[in-house]
Protein backbone atom coordinates (compact mmCIF):
# COMPACT_ATOMS: atom_id res chain seq x y z
CA MET A 1 -206.36 -109.84 -166.12
CA THR A 2 -208.40 -112.38 -164.15
CA ASP A 3 -208.36 -115.96 -165.43
CA GLY A 4 -211.61 -117.30 -166.81
CA PHE A 5 -212.93 -113.98 -168.07
CA ALA A 6 -212.69 -112.46 -171.56
CA TRP A 7 -210.83 -109.19 -172.07
CA TRP A 8 -214.10 -107.36 -172.73
CA GLN A 9 -215.62 -108.59 -169.48
CA GLN A 10 -212.91 -107.07 -167.30
CA GLY A 11 -211.82 -104.23 -169.57
CA VAL A 12 -212.88 -100.60 -170.04
CA ILE A 13 -214.02 -99.33 -173.45
CA TYR A 14 -213.40 -95.73 -174.57
CA GLN A 15 -215.50 -94.16 -177.33
CA VAL A 16 -213.79 -91.80 -179.76
CA TYR A 17 -215.92 -89.49 -181.89
CA PRO A 18 -213.25 -89.02 -184.57
CA ARG A 19 -214.41 -85.67 -185.98
CA SER A 20 -213.76 -84.14 -182.57
CA PHE A 21 -210.81 -86.04 -181.13
CA GLN A 22 -207.66 -84.69 -182.82
CA ASP A 23 -207.05 -83.00 -186.16
CA THR A 24 -203.60 -83.28 -187.77
CA ASP A 25 -204.07 -81.64 -191.18
CA GLY A 26 -205.62 -78.30 -190.20
CA ASP A 27 -209.07 -78.78 -191.74
CA GLY A 28 -210.80 -78.53 -188.36
CA ILE A 29 -211.96 -82.15 -188.43
CA GLY A 30 -210.35 -84.91 -186.42
CA ASP A 31 -208.73 -87.79 -188.27
CA LEU A 32 -207.14 -91.21 -187.91
CA ARG A 33 -203.63 -89.82 -187.57
CA GLY A 34 -204.98 -87.68 -184.75
CA ILE A 35 -206.30 -90.74 -182.93
CA LEU A 36 -202.91 -92.40 -183.37
CA ALA A 37 -201.17 -89.30 -182.02
CA ARG A 38 -203.32 -89.43 -178.88
CA LEU A 39 -203.17 -93.18 -178.19
CA ASP A 40 -200.81 -92.59 -175.30
CA HIS A 41 -203.55 -90.59 -173.58
CA LEU A 42 -205.70 -93.71 -173.67
CA VAL A 43 -202.82 -95.83 -172.39
CA ASP A 44 -202.21 -93.39 -169.54
CA LEU A 45 -205.93 -93.39 -168.76
CA GLY A 46 -205.79 -97.16 -168.51
CA VAL A 47 -208.57 -98.21 -170.88
CA ASP A 48 -208.47 -101.47 -172.80
CA ALA A 49 -210.25 -100.73 -176.07
CA VAL A 50 -211.05 -97.79 -178.31
CA TRP A 51 -214.38 -97.72 -180.13
CA ILE A 52 -214.26 -95.39 -183.14
CA SER A 53 -217.48 -93.88 -184.50
CA PRO A 54 -217.94 -94.07 -188.32
CA ILE A 55 -214.93 -93.25 -190.50
CA PHE A 56 -216.22 -94.62 -193.82
CA PRO A 57 -216.77 -92.68 -197.07
CA SER A 58 -219.96 -90.66 -196.68
CA PRO A 59 -221.64 -87.49 -197.97
CA MET A 60 -221.90 -86.63 -194.25
CA ALA A 61 -225.63 -85.92 -194.26
CA ASP A 62 -225.59 -87.56 -190.82
CA PHE A 63 -221.85 -87.29 -190.16
CA GLY A 64 -220.81 -90.75 -191.23
CA TYR A 65 -223.94 -92.71 -190.41
CA ASP A 66 -224.86 -92.39 -194.10
CA VAL A 67 -222.27 -94.76 -195.54
CA SER A 68 -221.48 -94.70 -199.27
CA ASP A 69 -218.69 -97.30 -199.12
CA TYR A 70 -218.44 -99.84 -196.31
CA THR A 71 -214.86 -100.85 -197.07
CA GLY A 72 -213.10 -97.52 -197.39
CA ILE A 73 -212.07 -94.52 -195.32
CA HIS A 74 -213.49 -91.03 -195.78
CA PRO A 75 -210.71 -88.72 -197.07
CA ALA A 76 -211.35 -86.31 -194.19
CA PHE A 77 -210.25 -89.08 -191.82
CA GLY A 78 -207.39 -90.44 -193.91
CA THR A 79 -206.73 -93.61 -195.85
CA LEU A 80 -206.80 -97.36 -195.38
CA ASP A 81 -203.04 -97.16 -194.82
CA ASP A 82 -203.69 -94.69 -191.99
CA PHE A 83 -206.23 -97.08 -190.55
CA ASP A 84 -203.83 -100.02 -190.72
CA ALA A 85 -201.18 -97.92 -189.00
CA LEU A 86 -203.63 -96.98 -186.26
CA VAL A 87 -204.61 -100.60 -185.64
CA ALA A 88 -200.97 -101.66 -185.50
CA ALA A 89 -200.09 -98.83 -183.10
CA ALA A 90 -203.07 -99.57 -180.88
CA HIS A 91 -202.31 -103.27 -180.74
CA GLY A 92 -198.69 -102.45 -180.01
CA ARG A 93 -199.87 -100.57 -176.93
CA GLY A 94 -202.19 -103.35 -175.82
CA LEU A 95 -205.36 -101.58 -176.98
CA LYS A 96 -208.20 -103.27 -178.85
CA VAL A 97 -209.92 -101.49 -181.74
CA ILE A 98 -213.71 -101.53 -182.17
CA LEU A 99 -215.42 -100.03 -185.23
CA ASP A 100 -218.93 -98.78 -185.80
CA TYR A 101 -221.05 -100.90 -188.15
CA VAL A 102 -224.13 -99.35 -189.78
CA PRO A 103 -226.19 -102.20 -191.28
CA ASN A 104 -229.66 -100.62 -191.14
CA HIS A 105 -229.20 -98.10 -193.94
CA THR A 106 -226.75 -96.68 -196.44
CA SER A 107 -226.30 -93.29 -197.99
CA ASP A 108 -228.55 -92.52 -200.95
CA GLN A 109 -225.26 -92.09 -202.82
CA HIS A 110 -224.11 -95.65 -202.15
CA PRO A 111 -223.74 -97.48 -205.49
CA TRP A 112 -226.24 -100.08 -204.28
CA PHE A 113 -228.97 -97.47 -203.86
CA VAL A 114 -228.05 -95.67 -207.07
CA GLU A 115 -228.69 -98.96 -208.86
CA SER A 116 -231.78 -99.74 -206.79
CA ARG A 117 -233.54 -96.49 -207.65
CA SER A 118 -232.55 -96.59 -211.33
CA SER A 119 -235.53 -98.77 -212.27
CA ARG A 120 -238.06 -101.16 -210.80
CA GLY A 121 -236.42 -103.98 -212.72
CA ASN A 122 -232.89 -103.41 -211.44
CA PRO A 123 -231.41 -106.51 -209.73
CA ARG A 124 -230.74 -104.40 -206.62
CA ARG A 125 -234.26 -102.96 -206.44
CA ASP A 126 -235.14 -105.31 -203.59
CA TRP A 127 -231.99 -104.42 -201.67
CA TYR A 128 -234.00 -101.53 -200.20
CA VAL A 129 -237.56 -101.15 -198.93
CA TRP A 130 -239.70 -99.93 -201.86
CA ARG A 131 -243.49 -99.81 -201.74
CA ASP A 132 -246.37 -98.53 -203.86
CA PRO A 133 -248.31 -95.50 -202.65
CA LYS A 134 -251.72 -95.80 -201.07
CA PRO A 135 -254.66 -95.46 -203.48
CA ASN A 136 -254.77 -91.74 -202.68
CA GLY A 137 -251.11 -91.40 -203.68
CA GLY A 138 -249.88 -90.95 -200.11
CA PRO A 139 -247.15 -92.84 -198.24
CA PRO A 140 -247.72 -96.57 -197.70
CA THR A 141 -247.95 -96.21 -193.89
CA ASN A 142 -247.89 -93.58 -191.15
CA TRP A 143 -244.34 -94.49 -190.19
CA LEU A 144 -242.27 -91.50 -189.08
CA SER A 145 -238.60 -90.67 -189.46
CA GLU A 146 -236.52 -90.36 -186.30
CA PHE A 147 -235.37 -87.00 -187.63
CA GLY A 148 -238.83 -85.59 -188.37
CA GLY A 149 -241.50 -86.04 -191.04
CA SER A 150 -242.62 -89.12 -192.91
CA ALA A 151 -240.28 -92.10 -193.11
CA TRP A 152 -241.29 -92.58 -196.76
CA GLU A 153 -239.72 -90.63 -199.63
CA TRP A 154 -241.38 -90.46 -203.04
CA ASP A 155 -239.29 -91.38 -206.07
CA ALA A 156 -241.01 -89.86 -209.07
CA ALA A 157 -238.81 -91.64 -211.60
CA THR A 158 -239.98 -95.11 -210.57
CA GLY A 159 -243.34 -94.26 -209.01
CA GLN A 160 -242.71 -95.77 -205.58
CA TYR A 161 -241.76 -94.73 -202.08
CA TYR A 162 -238.63 -95.90 -200.28
CA TYR A 163 -238.39 -96.24 -196.50
CA HIS A 164 -235.87 -94.35 -194.35
CA ALA A 165 -235.93 -94.61 -190.56
CA TYR A 166 -233.66 -91.57 -190.38
CA LEU A 167 -232.92 -88.96 -193.08
CA LYS A 168 -234.22 -89.34 -196.62
CA GLU A 169 -230.54 -89.51 -197.54
CA GLN A 170 -230.33 -92.73 -195.47
CA PRO A 171 -232.51 -95.35 -197.21
CA ASP A 172 -233.08 -98.52 -195.21
CA LEU A 173 -231.63 -101.77 -196.47
CA ASN A 174 -233.92 -104.78 -196.88
CA TRP A 175 -232.46 -107.39 -194.52
CA ARG A 176 -235.07 -109.91 -195.62
CA ASN A 177 -233.12 -110.17 -198.88
CA PRO A 178 -230.43 -112.88 -198.52
CA ALA A 179 -228.12 -111.01 -200.90
CA VAL A 180 -228.22 -107.94 -198.65
CA ARG A 181 -227.45 -110.04 -195.60
CA ALA A 182 -224.53 -111.75 -197.35
CA ALA A 183 -223.06 -108.44 -198.54
CA LEU A 184 -223.30 -106.83 -195.11
CA LEU A 185 -221.77 -109.84 -193.37
CA ASP A 186 -218.87 -109.67 -195.81
CA VAL A 187 -218.31 -106.10 -194.60
CA LEU A 188 -217.62 -107.48 -191.14
CA ARG A 189 -215.17 -109.98 -192.59
CA PHE A 190 -213.34 -107.24 -194.49
CA TRP A 191 -212.58 -105.32 -191.29
CA PHE A 192 -211.91 -108.38 -189.15
CA GLU A 193 -209.30 -109.36 -191.74
CA ARG A 194 -207.65 -105.96 -191.15
CA GLY A 195 -207.32 -106.70 -187.45
CA VAL A 196 -210.41 -105.09 -185.96
CA ASP A 197 -211.28 -106.58 -182.57
CA GLY A 198 -215.01 -105.95 -182.61
CA PHE A 199 -217.97 -103.89 -183.72
CA ARG A 200 -220.58 -101.65 -182.18
CA VAL A 201 -223.67 -102.23 -184.31
CA ASP A 202 -225.72 -99.09 -184.93
CA ALA A 203 -229.53 -98.88 -184.60
CA ILE A 204 -229.92 -102.64 -184.52
CA HIS A 205 -233.49 -102.56 -183.19
CA GLN A 206 -234.58 -100.81 -186.41
CA LEU A 207 -232.98 -103.32 -188.78
CA ILE A 208 -236.25 -104.94 -189.87
CA GLU A 209 -239.78 -103.55 -190.22
CA ASP A 210 -243.19 -105.16 -190.24
CA GLU A 211 -243.55 -106.94 -193.58
CA HIS A 212 -247.34 -106.40 -193.56
CA LEU A 213 -246.91 -102.60 -193.52
CA ARG A 214 -249.23 -102.01 -190.60
CA ASP A 215 -249.56 -98.46 -189.31
CA ASN A 216 -248.03 -97.64 -185.95
CA PRO A 217 -250.73 -96.81 -183.37
CA PRO A 218 -250.87 -93.39 -181.68
CA ASN A 219 -248.71 -93.00 -178.59
CA PRO A 220 -251.02 -91.95 -175.73
CA ASP A 221 -248.04 -90.67 -173.73
CA TRP A 222 -246.81 -88.25 -176.38
CA ARG A 223 -246.99 -84.54 -175.62
CA PRO A 224 -246.00 -81.42 -177.59
CA GLY A 225 -242.30 -80.73 -177.14
CA MET A 226 -241.39 -84.40 -177.38
CA PRO A 227 -239.72 -85.70 -180.56
CA PRO A 228 -242.35 -85.88 -183.33
CA SER A 229 -241.37 -89.46 -184.13
CA ARG A 230 -242.60 -90.49 -180.67
CA SER A 231 -246.17 -89.40 -181.48
CA VAL A 232 -246.73 -93.00 -182.60
CA SER A 233 -245.79 -96.20 -180.79
CA ARG A 234 -243.16 -97.72 -183.05
CA ILE A 235 -244.29 -101.33 -182.62
CA HIS A 236 -244.11 -102.08 -186.36
CA THR A 237 -240.82 -100.30 -187.12
CA MET A 238 -238.63 -101.42 -184.22
CA ASP A 239 -237.65 -104.58 -182.39
CA GLN A 240 -239.15 -107.05 -184.84
CA PRO A 241 -238.64 -110.77 -184.06
CA GLU A 242 -236.64 -111.41 -187.23
CA VAL A 243 -233.84 -109.13 -186.06
CA HIS A 244 -232.44 -111.79 -183.77
CA GLU A 245 -231.47 -114.17 -186.57
CA ALA A 246 -229.62 -111.29 -188.24
CA ILE A 247 -227.76 -110.60 -184.98
CA ALA A 248 -226.92 -114.29 -184.61
CA ALA A 249 -225.47 -114.22 -188.13
CA MET A 250 -223.25 -111.28 -187.18
CA ARG A 251 -222.14 -113.12 -184.06
CA ARG A 252 -221.27 -116.20 -186.11
CA VAL A 253 -219.08 -114.10 -188.39
CA ALA A 254 -217.27 -112.68 -185.35
CA GLY A 255 -216.76 -116.25 -184.15
CA GLU A 256 -215.04 -117.12 -187.42
CA TYR A 257 -212.13 -114.96 -186.21
CA GLY A 258 -211.79 -116.39 -182.72
CA PRO A 259 -213.52 -116.19 -179.36
CA ASP A 260 -212.18 -112.74 -178.45
CA ARG A 261 -213.90 -110.73 -181.19
CA LEU A 262 -216.57 -108.55 -179.61
CA THR A 263 -220.06 -107.55 -180.77
CA ILE A 264 -221.97 -104.69 -179.13
CA GLY A 265 -225.52 -103.69 -180.06
CA GLU A 266 -227.11 -100.25 -179.90
CA ALA A 267 -230.77 -100.63 -178.94
CA TYR A 268 -232.67 -98.12 -176.85
CA LEU A 269 -235.20 -100.51 -175.36
CA PRO A 270 -236.81 -101.33 -172.00
CA ILE A 271 -234.75 -103.77 -169.97
CA ASP A 272 -237.03 -106.76 -170.54
CA ARG A 273 -236.89 -106.36 -174.32
CA LEU A 274 -233.18 -105.55 -174.33
CA MET A 275 -232.38 -108.94 -172.84
CA ALA A 276 -233.51 -110.70 -176.03
CA TYR A 277 -230.51 -109.13 -177.78
CA TYR A 278 -228.16 -111.47 -175.92
CA GLY A 279 -229.76 -114.12 -178.13
CA ALA A 280 -230.99 -117.63 -177.46
CA ASP A 281 -228.29 -119.40 -175.45
CA LEU A 282 -226.15 -116.23 -175.71
CA THR A 283 -225.84 -116.45 -179.49
CA GLY A 284 -226.62 -112.75 -179.94
CA PHE A 285 -224.56 -109.74 -178.92
CA HIS A 286 -221.89 -110.13 -176.28
CA LEU A 287 -223.01 -106.73 -174.98
CA PRO A 288 -226.36 -105.17 -175.87
CA PHE A 289 -225.67 -101.60 -174.76
CA ASN A 290 -227.39 -100.70 -171.50
CA PHE A 291 -228.27 -96.99 -171.66
CA HIS A 292 -230.57 -96.87 -168.65
CA LEU A 293 -228.23 -94.93 -166.36
CA ILE A 294 -228.44 -92.04 -168.83
CA SER A 295 -232.16 -91.60 -168.21
CA SER A 296 -232.34 -92.71 -164.56
CA ALA A 297 -233.36 -90.29 -161.83
CA TRP A 298 -230.22 -89.43 -159.88
CA ASN A 299 -231.04 -90.74 -156.44
CA ALA A 300 -230.07 -93.81 -154.46
CA GLU A 301 -233.41 -95.61 -154.56
CA SER A 302 -233.88 -95.16 -158.32
CA ILE A 303 -230.37 -96.27 -159.18
CA ALA A 304 -230.49 -99.24 -156.83
CA ALA A 305 -233.83 -100.30 -158.30
CA LEU A 306 -232.43 -99.96 -161.84
CA ILE A 307 -229.42 -102.11 -160.99
CA ALA A 308 -231.66 -104.72 -159.39
CA ARG A 309 -234.03 -104.86 -162.38
CA TYR A 310 -231.17 -105.10 -164.84
CA GLU A 311 -229.23 -107.75 -162.90
CA ALA A 312 -232.39 -109.84 -162.37
CA ALA A 313 -233.29 -109.69 -166.06
CA LEU A 314 -229.91 -110.84 -167.40
CA PRO A 315 -230.02 -114.28 -169.03
CA PRO A 316 -227.85 -116.99 -167.45
CA GLY A 317 -224.28 -116.16 -168.37
CA GLY A 318 -225.18 -112.76 -169.83
CA TRP A 319 -222.57 -110.13 -169.00
CA PRO A 320 -223.75 -106.66 -167.88
CA ASN A 321 -222.53 -103.31 -169.14
CA TRP A 322 -223.06 -99.65 -168.27
CA VAL A 323 -222.61 -96.22 -169.87
CA LEU A 324 -223.10 -92.65 -168.67
CA GLY A 325 -223.20 -90.97 -172.07
CA ASN A 326 -222.33 -91.07 -175.75
CA HIS A 327 -222.30 -88.94 -178.90
CA ASP A 328 -226.13 -88.80 -178.94
CA ARG A 329 -227.01 -87.94 -175.34
CA SER A 330 -226.42 -85.00 -173.00
CA ARG A 331 -223.17 -85.27 -171.09
CA VAL A 332 -223.33 -86.52 -167.52
CA ALA A 333 -221.68 -83.35 -166.15
CA SER A 334 -224.53 -81.32 -167.65
CA ARG A 335 -227.24 -83.68 -166.41
CA ILE A 336 -226.19 -83.90 -162.76
CA GLY A 337 -223.48 -81.25 -162.33
CA PRO A 338 -219.68 -81.46 -162.18
CA ALA A 339 -219.49 -82.49 -158.51
CA GLN A 340 -221.83 -85.44 -158.96
CA ALA A 341 -220.13 -86.36 -162.24
CA ARG A 342 -217.20 -87.51 -160.11
CA VAL A 343 -219.52 -89.74 -158.09
CA ALA A 344 -221.03 -91.02 -161.35
CA ALA A 345 -217.56 -91.95 -162.58
CA MET A 346 -217.04 -94.06 -159.47
CA LEU A 347 -220.43 -95.69 -159.98
CA LEU A 348 -219.68 -96.50 -163.63
CA LEU A 349 -216.25 -97.95 -162.93
CA THR A 350 -217.22 -100.04 -159.88
CA LEU A 351 -220.51 -101.59 -160.99
CA ARG A 352 -220.51 -105.19 -162.18
CA GLY A 353 -220.07 -105.26 -165.93
CA THR A 354 -218.19 -103.60 -168.75
CA PRO A 355 -218.08 -99.77 -168.62
CA THR A 356 -217.82 -97.51 -171.66
CA ILE A 357 -216.41 -93.98 -171.29
CA TYR A 358 -217.30 -91.34 -173.88
CA GLN A 359 -214.43 -89.06 -174.86
CA GLY A 360 -214.23 -86.02 -172.62
CA GLU A 361 -216.00 -87.63 -169.67
CA GLU A 362 -212.58 -88.23 -168.13
CA ILE A 363 -212.06 -84.46 -167.86
CA GLY A 364 -215.66 -83.61 -166.97
CA MET A 365 -216.67 -82.03 -170.27
CA ALA A 366 -220.17 -80.55 -170.34
CA ASP A 367 -222.58 -79.81 -173.18
CA VAL A 368 -221.48 -76.80 -175.22
CA PRO A 369 -224.18 -74.37 -176.37
CA ILE A 370 -224.14 -74.06 -180.16
CA PRO A 371 -225.23 -70.74 -181.74
CA PRO A 372 -227.92 -71.21 -184.41
CA ASP A 373 -225.59 -70.18 -187.23
CA LEU A 374 -223.09 -72.89 -186.24
CA VAL A 375 -225.52 -75.81 -185.92
CA GLN A 376 -224.37 -78.86 -187.87
CA ASP A 377 -226.71 -81.63 -186.71
CA PRO A 378 -229.47 -82.46 -189.23
CA TRP A 379 -231.82 -83.45 -186.39
CA GLU A 380 -231.65 -79.96 -184.91
CA LYS A 381 -232.07 -78.43 -188.37
CA ASN A 382 -235.12 -80.58 -189.15
CA VAL A 383 -236.77 -80.27 -185.74
CA PRO A 384 -235.41 -77.04 -184.23
CA GLY A 385 -236.09 -75.72 -180.78
CA LEU A 386 -236.82 -79.00 -178.98
CA GLY A 387 -233.30 -79.55 -177.68
CA LEU A 388 -232.81 -82.66 -179.80
CA GLY A 389 -229.57 -81.54 -181.44
CA ARG A 390 -226.49 -83.60 -180.72
CA ASP A 391 -223.86 -80.96 -181.53
CA PRO A 392 -223.46 -79.90 -177.87
CA VAL A 393 -222.05 -83.33 -176.95
CA ARG A 394 -219.84 -83.66 -180.03
CA THR A 395 -217.60 -80.61 -179.61
CA PRO A 396 -213.82 -80.95 -179.95
CA MET A 397 -211.70 -82.50 -177.23
CA PRO A 398 -209.61 -79.83 -175.44
CA TRP A 399 -206.04 -81.03 -175.05
CA ASP A 400 -204.10 -78.01 -173.79
CA THR A 401 -204.07 -74.22 -173.40
CA GLY A 402 -202.77 -73.54 -176.90
CA PRO A 403 -204.77 -72.24 -179.88
CA ASN A 404 -208.02 -74.18 -180.30
CA ALA A 405 -207.07 -76.18 -177.22
CA GLY A 406 -204.56 -78.20 -179.25
CA PHE A 407 -207.33 -79.82 -181.29
CA THR A 408 -206.58 -78.21 -184.64
CA ALA A 409 -204.43 -75.60 -186.35
CA GLY A 410 -207.49 -74.63 -188.38
CA ARG A 411 -211.04 -73.66 -187.52
CA PRO A 412 -212.82 -76.36 -185.47
CA TRP A 413 -215.90 -77.81 -187.15
CA LEU A 414 -217.81 -77.10 -183.92
CA PRO A 415 -216.91 -74.51 -181.28
CA LEU A 416 -214.90 -75.45 -178.23
CA GLY A 417 -216.37 -75.12 -174.77
CA ALA A 418 -215.93 -71.76 -173.09
CA ASP A 419 -213.93 -73.42 -170.31
CA HIS A 420 -211.35 -75.06 -172.57
CA LEU A 421 -208.46 -73.03 -171.14
CA THR A 422 -209.03 -74.54 -167.70
CA ARG A 423 -210.79 -77.82 -168.55
CA ASN A 424 -208.35 -79.68 -170.75
CA VAL A 425 -206.13 -82.72 -170.60
CA ALA A 426 -202.84 -80.89 -169.97
CA VAL A 427 -204.18 -78.81 -167.08
CA GLN A 428 -205.82 -81.82 -165.46
CA ALA A 429 -202.78 -84.03 -165.96
CA ALA A 430 -200.88 -81.58 -163.74
CA ASP A 431 -203.58 -81.60 -161.03
CA GLN A 432 -203.39 -84.59 -158.69
CA ARG A 433 -207.07 -84.19 -157.70
CA SER A 434 -208.57 -83.52 -161.11
CA MET A 435 -211.34 -85.44 -162.82
CA LEU A 436 -208.70 -86.99 -165.06
CA ALA A 437 -206.68 -88.09 -162.03
CA LEU A 438 -209.84 -89.63 -160.57
CA HIS A 439 -210.53 -91.62 -163.74
CA LYS A 440 -206.96 -92.89 -163.83
CA ALA A 441 -207.14 -93.90 -160.19
CA LEU A 442 -210.51 -95.64 -160.62
CA ILE A 443 -209.39 -97.61 -163.67
CA ALA A 444 -206.10 -98.57 -161.98
CA LEU A 445 -208.00 -99.72 -158.88
CA ARG A 446 -210.43 -101.67 -161.01
CA ARG A 447 -207.51 -103.38 -162.71
CA SER A 448 -205.79 -104.24 -159.41
CA GLU A 449 -208.95 -105.44 -157.62
CA PRO A 450 -210.57 -108.47 -159.31
CA ALA A 451 -213.60 -107.92 -157.08
CA LEU A 452 -214.25 -104.64 -158.92
CA ALA A 453 -213.46 -106.02 -162.36
CA VAL A 454 -215.40 -109.29 -162.29
CA GLY A 455 -216.85 -109.79 -158.82
CA THR A 456 -220.45 -110.28 -157.74
CA TYR A 457 -222.68 -107.36 -156.80
CA ALA A 458 -224.80 -107.05 -153.65
CA LEU A 459 -226.76 -103.99 -152.52
CA LEU A 460 -226.13 -102.96 -148.91
CA GLU A 461 -227.98 -99.64 -148.60
CA ALA A 462 -230.10 -97.29 -150.70
CA THR A 463 -231.59 -94.59 -148.49
CA ASP A 464 -231.83 -90.83 -148.90
CA ASP A 465 -228.80 -89.88 -150.98
CA VAL A 466 -226.65 -92.86 -150.01
CA LEU A 467 -225.99 -95.90 -152.19
CA VAL A 468 -223.75 -98.65 -150.82
CA TYR A 469 -222.93 -101.96 -152.47
CA GLU A 470 -220.42 -104.74 -152.19
CA ARG A 471 -218.31 -106.38 -154.86
CA ARG A 472 -216.85 -109.79 -154.01
CA HIS A 473 -214.52 -112.22 -155.79
CA ALA A 474 -212.46 -115.17 -154.57
CA GLY A 475 -213.02 -114.27 -150.92
CA ARG A 476 -212.04 -110.63 -151.38
CA SER A 477 -214.71 -108.01 -150.59
CA VAL A 478 -214.73 -104.36 -151.66
CA ARG A 479 -217.41 -101.90 -150.59
CA VAL A 480 -218.52 -98.85 -152.60
CA ALA A 481 -220.33 -96.02 -150.80
CA LEU A 482 -221.71 -93.10 -152.81
CA ASN A 483 -223.21 -89.83 -151.61
CA LEU A 484 -225.55 -88.67 -154.36
CA GLY A 485 -226.32 -85.44 -152.53
CA ASN A 486 -224.61 -82.24 -151.42
CA ARG A 487 -224.66 -82.70 -147.63
CA PRO A 488 -222.73 -85.06 -145.34
CA GLN A 489 -224.30 -88.49 -144.95
CA PRO A 490 -223.52 -91.50 -142.77
CA ALA A 491 -223.23 -94.72 -144.73
CA ALA A 492 -223.81 -98.01 -142.98
CA GLY A 493 -221.29 -100.64 -143.83
CA THR A 494 -220.13 -104.11 -143.05
CA PRO A 495 -218.63 -104.70 -139.61
CA GLY A 496 -214.91 -104.90 -139.18
CA LEU A 497 -211.89 -102.74 -139.77
CA GLY A 498 -211.18 -101.66 -143.33
CA ARG A 499 -209.42 -98.88 -145.12
CA ILE A 500 -210.33 -96.40 -147.77
CA LEU A 501 -208.83 -97.39 -151.11
CA LEU A 502 -210.09 -94.34 -152.98
CA SER A 503 -212.21 -91.23 -152.47
CA THR A 504 -213.67 -89.20 -155.33
CA HIS A 505 -211.98 -86.23 -153.61
CA LEU A 506 -208.65 -88.10 -153.94
CA ASP A 507 -207.56 -87.28 -150.38
CA ARG A 508 -208.49 -90.15 -148.01
CA ALA A 509 -206.64 -93.20 -149.31
CA GLY A 510 -205.42 -95.39 -146.47
CA GLU A 511 -207.77 -93.95 -143.86
CA ALA A 512 -209.08 -96.62 -141.49
CA VAL A 513 -212.80 -97.39 -141.43
CA ASP A 514 -214.53 -99.46 -138.76
CA GLY A 515 -218.12 -100.18 -139.81
CA ALA A 516 -220.05 -97.04 -140.69
CA VAL A 517 -218.41 -94.11 -142.44
CA VAL A 518 -219.37 -90.47 -142.99
CA LEU A 519 -219.49 -89.42 -146.60
CA ARG A 520 -218.77 -85.79 -147.35
CA PRO A 521 -220.99 -83.92 -149.82
CA ASP A 522 -220.64 -85.30 -153.36
CA GLU A 523 -218.23 -87.99 -152.23
CA GLY A 524 -217.82 -91.59 -153.16
CA LEU A 525 -215.57 -94.08 -151.41
CA VAL A 526 -214.15 -97.49 -152.26
CA ILE A 527 -213.35 -99.38 -149.08
CA GLY A 528 -211.37 -102.59 -148.81
CA ALA A 529 -210.40 -104.91 -146.01
């Protein structure tokens, strides 16, 4: 580690989607003991932290993002003892543990909501967002659920609507209520006390809605085939100014447990608005997730322009971060193809900032088509046929060539990819030029070269399919040259003799380079002095 930088600034984060990582009890669903059993894979890969998607008690209407108990473990995943054992084992291997935190909404089966909906006079009524109907009996506003339909659900027993940004089974909490804020901040303390090193905060930009209940205006850019929720511009249901004090409160709680506890925010926002989530004087999130590579056009000029806009927008002292995918977005190998996915891995792991790898990216997993009768995702069920379902990116991790790819002794909750006999960890671990080998080599190089881990970034070239940039730290310069196309390309470079430290083809290390270099199709190079 480089002095003067926090672990999360120079480290690599790995996201585990626990339902699909490793099952140990034969029910077809991954669990905490499964994550523990596979920790050595993460150590071998070289990552520094594991972020675990929700594992709390839940009716699973949205697979754990509908929490019914913030301080427990869902039986399908194990017990609190299993969790404690996992944290201890991870820490013993030098790995940090990051949990998901879902403060925007609970399950409708959470005891708080059960009380809230029991009567208008219940002390917890104002813990959620309840409103009277319009004079015609309709919903209070035109606000739409992310998962289709109105965001307001009628409660006949009490004669009011409650607001839900997602499913009706996920009522939104009222963060303007100090008691709600205090209870949710205590949730953070509960897990920090158990040794958690940080949190990824879910859907933070939707935490607070317009208190004046103004309708969202029509979205002039919406077209049929786009998500129905995008038919309005969500200016009154997202990114409200009051959210930043709530984030600052979360950050203060993290600070109670030392300077190394990490907070990450999930907010799909334009770059200029995303920057506010670092907070005034960096009192907000350490890392507001930067998802813009996921949606960027895959060419040198677009990516270079994105990097420039993002770097220029960062507040003084704000630390960048990058991702290629997650449990909600199409996998990078499906978006740009398996050959370019190797180049994308080099981009992710050599850009300035903290990278996050989603499970399976290290072996080049692609989206898995899900037959209609096996669909699990409520979004796909509510709004079918638009390609919005997230099941294809959540399929089980293939570990070996055994039954069910070593994931489970039972029936997997989602089908495995058709290529699981050839695309799995065991097969790639035996292949010195595999995608897995490339990830290991990139992470090891990043760890050994402070210029790649924490150095400055400078663009050198962005023409045709070629992107070249320099990383520099303490007088040491490393150049990264990427061919984003499928034909050979010359890449201009800095004068002077250097040598190739790594090729995405894993076959040119040590080769001398004097100035310009020819990149083979779908090749990326890291070049040092």
